[in-house]
C-alpha atoms as a PDB file:
ATOM      1  CA  MET A   1       4.071  -4.606 -36.345  1.00  0.00           C
ATOM      2  CA  LYS A   2       2.221  -2.960 -39.224  1.00  0.00           C
ATOM      3  CA  HIS A   3       2.625   0.831 -39.498  1.00  0.00           C
ATOM      4  CA  SER A   4       0.503   3.308 -41.388  1.00  0.00           C
ATOM      5  CA  ALA A   5       1.862   5.347 -44.280  1.00  0.00           C
ATOM      6  CA  SER A   6       1.819   8.460 -42.052  1.00  0.00           C
ATOM      7  CA  VAL A   7       4.061   6.779 -39.465  1.00  0.00           C
ATOM      8  CA  LEU A   8       6.405   5.689 -42.226  1.00  0.00           C
ATOM      9  CA  ALA A   9       6.477   9.207 -43.706  1.00  0.00           C
ATOM     10  CA  LEU A  10       7.115  10.748 -40.285  1.00  0.00           C
ATOM     11  CA  ALA A  11       9.895   8.308 -39.490  1.00  0.00           C
ATOM     12  CA  MET A  12      11.531   8.759 -42.882  1.00  0.00           C
ATOM     13  CA  GLY A  13      11.259  12.551 -42.596  1.00  0.00           C
ATOM     14  CA  LEU A  14      13.084  12.410 -39.288  1.00  0.00           C
ATOM     15  CA  GLY A  15      15.837  10.321 -40.834  1.00  0.00           C
ATOM     16  CA  TRP A  16      14.708   6.934 -39.531  1.00  0.00           C
ATOM     17  CA  SER A  17      14.945   4.137 -42.067  1.00  0.00           C
ATOM     18  CA  GLY A  18      12.007   2.022 -43.157  1.00  0.00           C
ATOM     19  CA  MET A  19      13.757  -0.866 -41.425  1.00  0.00           C
ATOM     20  CA  ALA A  20      13.765   1.049 -38.118  1.00  0.00           C
ATOM     21  CA  VAL A  21      10.015   1.506 -38.486  1.00  0.00           C
ATOM     22  CA  ALA A  22       9.551  -2.152 -39.303  1.00  0.00           C
ATOM     23  CA  GLN A  23      11.449  -2.919 -36.092  1.00  0.00           C
ATOM     24  CA  ASP A  24       8.860  -1.041 -34.009  1.00  0.00           C
ATOM     25  CA  PHE A  25       9.680   2.649 -34.278  1.00  0.00           C
ATOM     26  CA  GLY A  26       8.494   3.662 -30.848  1.00  0.00           C
ATOM     27  CA  ARG A  27       8.125   6.574 -28.523  1.00  0.00           C
ATOM     28  CA  ASP A  28      11.482   6.013 -26.841  1.00  0.00           C
ATOM     29  CA  GLU A  29      13.187   6.781 -30.151  1.00  0.00           C
ATOM     30  CA  PHE A  30      10.737   9.528 -31.115  1.00  0.00           C
ATOM     31  CA  PHE A  31      10.542  11.540 -27.872  1.00  0.00           C
ATOM     32  CA  VAL A  32      13.369  13.813 -26.784  1.00  0.00           C
ATOM     33  CA  ASP A  33      14.691  13.685 -23.234  1.00  0.00           C
ATOM     34  CA  GLY A  34      11.829  14.308 -20.820  1.00  0.00           C
ATOM     35  CA  GLY A  35       9.306  13.736 -23.602  1.00  0.00           C
ATOM     36  CA  VAL A  36       7.845  10.511 -22.229  1.00  0.00           C
ATOM     37  CA  GLN A  37       7.150  12.222 -18.898  1.00  0.00           C
ATOM     38  CA  ARG A  38       5.559  15.250 -20.613  1.00  0.00           C
ATOM     39  CA  PHE A  39       3.480  12.922 -22.786  1.00  0.00           C
ATOM     40  CA  ARG A  40       2.205  11.019 -19.725  1.00  0.00           C
ATOM     41  CA  THR A  41       1.522  13.990 -17.437  1.00  0.00           C
ATOM     42  CA  GLU A  42       0.390  16.735 -19.826  1.00  0.00           C
ATOM     43  CA  ILE A  43      -0.395  15.588 -23.328  1.00  0.00           C
ATOM     44  CA  LEU A  44      -2.064  12.198 -22.882  1.00  0.00           C
ATOM     45  CA  PRO A  45      -4.508  13.422 -20.189  1.00  0.00           C
ATOM     46  CA  ALA A  46      -5.488  16.359 -22.437  1.00  0.00           C
ATOM     47  CA  VAL A  47      -5.977  14.071 -25.435  1.00  0.00           C
ATOM     48  CA  LEU A  48      -8.076  11.606 -23.440  1.00  0.00           C
ATOM     49  CA  ASN A  49     -10.181  14.412 -21.968  1.00  0.00           C
ATOM     50  CA  GLU A  50     -10.534  16.729 -24.981  1.00  0.00           C
ATOM     51  CA  GLY A  51      -9.867  14.363 -27.874  1.00  0.00           C
ATOM     52  CA  HIS A  52      -6.884  16.392 -29.059  1.00  0.00           C
ATOM     53  CA  TRP A  53      -3.819  18.359 -27.948  1.00  0.00           C
ATOM     54  CA  HIS A  54      -1.945  21.171 -29.678  1.00  0.00           C
ATOM     55  CA  GLY A  55       1.343  22.748 -28.691  1.00  0.00           C
ATOM     56  CA  ARG A  56       5.034  23.039 -29.304  1.00  0.00           C
ATOM     57  CA  TRP A  57       7.102  19.928 -29.063  1.00  0.00           C
ATOM     58  CA  ALA A  58      10.464  18.570 -30.098  1.00  0.00           C
ATOM     59  CA  VAL A  59      11.083  15.190 -31.689  1.00  0.00           C
ATOM     60  CA  ARG A  60      14.278  13.214 -32.031  1.00  0.00           C
ATOM     61  CA  MET A  61      15.825  12.787 -35.442  1.00  0.00           C
ATOM     62  CA  ARG A  62      17.864   9.707 -36.345  1.00  0.00           C
ATOM     63  CA  SER A  63      20.990  11.878 -36.246  1.00  0.00           C
ATOM     64  CA  GLY A  64      20.295  12.346 -32.535  1.00  0.00           C
ATOM     65  CA  GLY A  65      19.382  15.996 -32.955  1.00  0.00           C
ATOM     66  CA  GLU A  66      16.088  17.537 -32.006  1.00  0.00           C
ATOM     67  CA  LEU A  67      13.567  19.021 -34.412  1.00  0.00           C
ATOM     68  CA  PRO A  68      11.222  21.667 -32.948  1.00  0.00           C
ATOM     69  CA  VAL A  69       7.678  21.170 -34.175  1.00  0.00           C
ATOM     70  CA  ASP A  70       4.210  22.586 -33.893  1.00  0.00           C
ATOM     71  CA  CYS A  71       2.283  19.468 -32.935  1.00  0.00           C
ATOM     72  CA  THR A  72      -1.344  18.419 -33.009  1.00  0.00           C
ATOM     73  CA  LEU A  73      -2.289  15.047 -31.576  1.00  0.00           C
ATOM     74  CA  ILE A  74      -5.778  13.723 -32.297  1.00  0.00           C
ATOM     75  CA  LEU A  75      -7.395  10.753 -30.581  1.00  0.00           C
ATOM     76  CA  HIS A  76      -9.505   8.362 -32.669  1.00  0.00           C
ATOM     77  CA  ARG A  77     -12.197   6.278 -31.009  1.00  0.00           C
ATOM     78  CA  ASP A  78     -14.583   3.746 -32.504  1.00  0.00           C
ATOM     79  CA  TYR A  79     -18.366   3.699 -32.059  1.00  0.00           C
ATOM     80  CA  ASN A  80     -17.932   2.028 -28.651  1.00  0.00           C
ATOM     81  CA  HIS A  81     -15.643   4.896 -27.565  1.00  0.00           C
ATOM     82  CA  THR A  82     -12.660   2.552 -27.472  1.00  0.00           C
ATOM     83  CA  VAL A  83      -9.383   4.276 -28.313  1.00  0.00           C
ATOM     84  CA  ARG A  84      -8.203   2.959 -31.671  1.00  0.00           C
ATOM     85  CA  ASN A  85      -5.212   5.156 -32.492  1.00  0.00           C
ATOM     86  CA  PHE A  86      -3.702   8.635 -32.538  1.00  0.00           C
ATOM     87  CA  SER A  87      -2.859  10.935 -35.410  1.00  0.00           C
ATOM     88  CA  TRP A  88       0.231  13.112 -35.058  1.00  0.00           C
ATOM     89  CA  MET A  89       0.512  16.226 -37.214  1.00  0.00           C
ATOM     90  CA  LEU A  90       3.913  17.842 -37.023  1.00  0.00           C
ATOM     91  CA  ARG A  91       5.192  21.008 -38.660  1.00  0.00           C
ATOM     92  CA  ASP A  92       8.863  22.003 -38.536  1.00  0.00           C
ATOM     93  CA  ILE A  93       9.126  25.373 -36.755  1.00  0.00           C
ATOM     94  CA  THR A  94      12.907  25.743 -36.851  1.00  0.00           C
ATOM     95  CA  ASP A  95      12.748  28.899 -38.986  1.00  0.00           C
ATOM     96  CA  GLU A  96       9.933  30.429 -36.920  1.00  0.00           C
ATOM     97  CA  LEU A  97      11.903  29.938 -33.704  1.00  0.00           C
ATOM     98  CA  ALA A  98      14.954  31.578 -35.277  1.00  0.00           C
ATOM     99  CA  VAL A  99      12.815  34.587 -36.264  1.00  0.00           C
ATOM    100  CA  GLU A 100      11.317  34.796 -32.748  1.00  0.00           C
ATOM    101  CA  LEU A 101      14.789  34.641 -31.187  1.00  0.00           C
ATOM    102  CA  GLU A 102      16.070  37.401 -33.477  1.00  0.00           C
ATOM    103  CA  ARG A 103      13.025  39.568 -32.726  1.00  0.00           C
ATOM    104  CA  GLU A 104      13.518  39.124 -28.970  1.00  0.00           C
ATOM    105  CA  ARG A 105      17.228  39.959 -29.314  1.00  0.00           C
ATOM    106  CA  SER A 106      16.422  43.041 -31.374  1.00  0.00           C
ATOM    107  CA  GLN A 107      13.796  44.183 -28.857  1.00  0.00           C
ATOM    108  CA  ALA A 108      16.235  43.733 -25.982  1.00  0.00           C
ATOM    109  CA  VAL A 109      18.894  45.787 -27.786  1.00  0.00           C
ATOM    110  CA  MET A 110      16.434  48.576 -28.658  1.00  0.00           C
ATOM    111  CA  SER A 111      15.076  48.648 -25.101  1.00  0.00           C
ATOM    112  CA  ALA A 112      18.586  48.832 -23.648  1.00  0.00           C
ATOM    113  CA  LEU A 113      19.477  51.683 -26.030  1.00  0.00           C
ATOM    114  CA  ALA A 114      16.293  53.610 -25.273  1.00  0.00           C
ATOM    115  CA  HIS A 115      16.688  53.248 -21.502  1.00  0.00           C
ATOM    116  CA  SER A 116      20.362  54.249 -21.511  1.00  0.00           C
ATOM    117  CA  SER A 117      19.819  57.305 -23.728  1.00  0.00           C
ATOM    118  CA  THR A 118      19.983  60.808 -22.241  1.00  0.00           C
ATOM    119  CA  VAL A 119      17.319  61.851 -24.751  1.00  0.00           C
ATOM    120  CA  GLU A 120      13.702  61.616 -23.616  1.00  0.00           C
ATOM    121  CA  VAL A 121      11.866  58.825 -25.448  1.00  0.00           C
ATOM    122  CA  LEU A 122       8.102  58.482 -25.367  1.00  0.00           C
ATOM    123  CA  ALA A 123       5.947  56.207 -27.538  1.00  0.00           C
ATOM    124  CA  VAL A 124       2.156  56.338 -27.690  1.00  0.00           C
ATOM    125  CA  ASP A 125      -0.373  54.275 -29.616  1.00  0.00           C
ATOM    126  CA  THR A 126      -3.070  55.568 -31.958  1.00  0.00           C
ATOM    127  CA  GLU A 127      -5.351  56.223 -28.980  1.00  0.00           C
ATOM    128  CA  GLN A 128      -2.688  58.367 -27.261  1.00  0.00           C
ATOM    129  CA  ARG A 129      -1.917  55.720 -24.621  1.00  0.00           C
ATOM    130  CA  VAL A 130       1.698  55.589 -23.465  1.00  0.00           C
ATOM    131  CA  ILE A 131       3.244  52.294 -24.543  1.00  0.00           C
ATOM    132  CA  PHE A 132       6.867  53.152 -23.750  1.00  0.00           C
ATOM    133  CA  CYS A 133       8.715  55.746 -21.729  1.00  0.00           C
ATOM    134  CA  ASN A 134      12.473  55.605 -21.125  1.00  0.00           C
ATOM    135  CA  ARG A 135      14.239  56.281 -17.810  1.00  0.00           C
ATOM    136  CA  THR A 136      15.329  59.788 -18.812  1.00  0.00           C
ATOM    137  CA  MET A 137      11.716  60.769 -19.488  1.00  0.00           C
ATOM    138  CA  GLU A 138      10.581  59.206 -16.200  1.00  0.00           C
ATOM    139  CA  GLN A 139      13.267  61.059 -14.248  1.00  0.00           C
ATOM    140  CA  ASN A 140      12.652  64.418 -15.940  1.00  0.00           C
ATOM    141  CA  LEU A 141       8.901  64.189 -15.354  1.00  0.00           C
ATOM    142  CA  GLY A 142       9.260  62.780 -11.841  1.00  0.00           C
ATOM    143  CA  LEU A 143       7.420  59.573 -12.762  1.00  0.00           C
ATOM    144  CA  ALA A 144       7.840  56.345 -10.828  1.00  0.00           C
ATOM    145  CA  PRO A 145       9.661  53.695 -12.882  1.00  0.00           C
ATOM    146  CA  ARG A 146       7.328  51.129 -14.371  1.00  0.00           C
END
């Protein structure tokens, strides 16, 4: 089977050898567990209907590990509207996910501290709308918890 340069680059970037690609680098090697099902039920119908799909995905590396990616899949049709091929655009989001996880952890810690404090804590935005009120403030003002 002949593969395009982009398929070769993708496979090599994931740690698959050129020989593995020459031996039909396929979706069973590329998709992580549950990926084939997600591709069939969510992604492929969207691509066939809209011509493209964009979302977060994970792909399998040769080492067996998973690489989280931001993925865009584009469908290519000829003049007769026959599907000719797909283009996959993948961007490694490992670092972004680590930042998101740290931000969520930090927010959870700050929220727990604010709610357990005996000091009243109130935060408002630039239009004077309340965006945060801790339990002590709610109790002292007789507000219902929200």
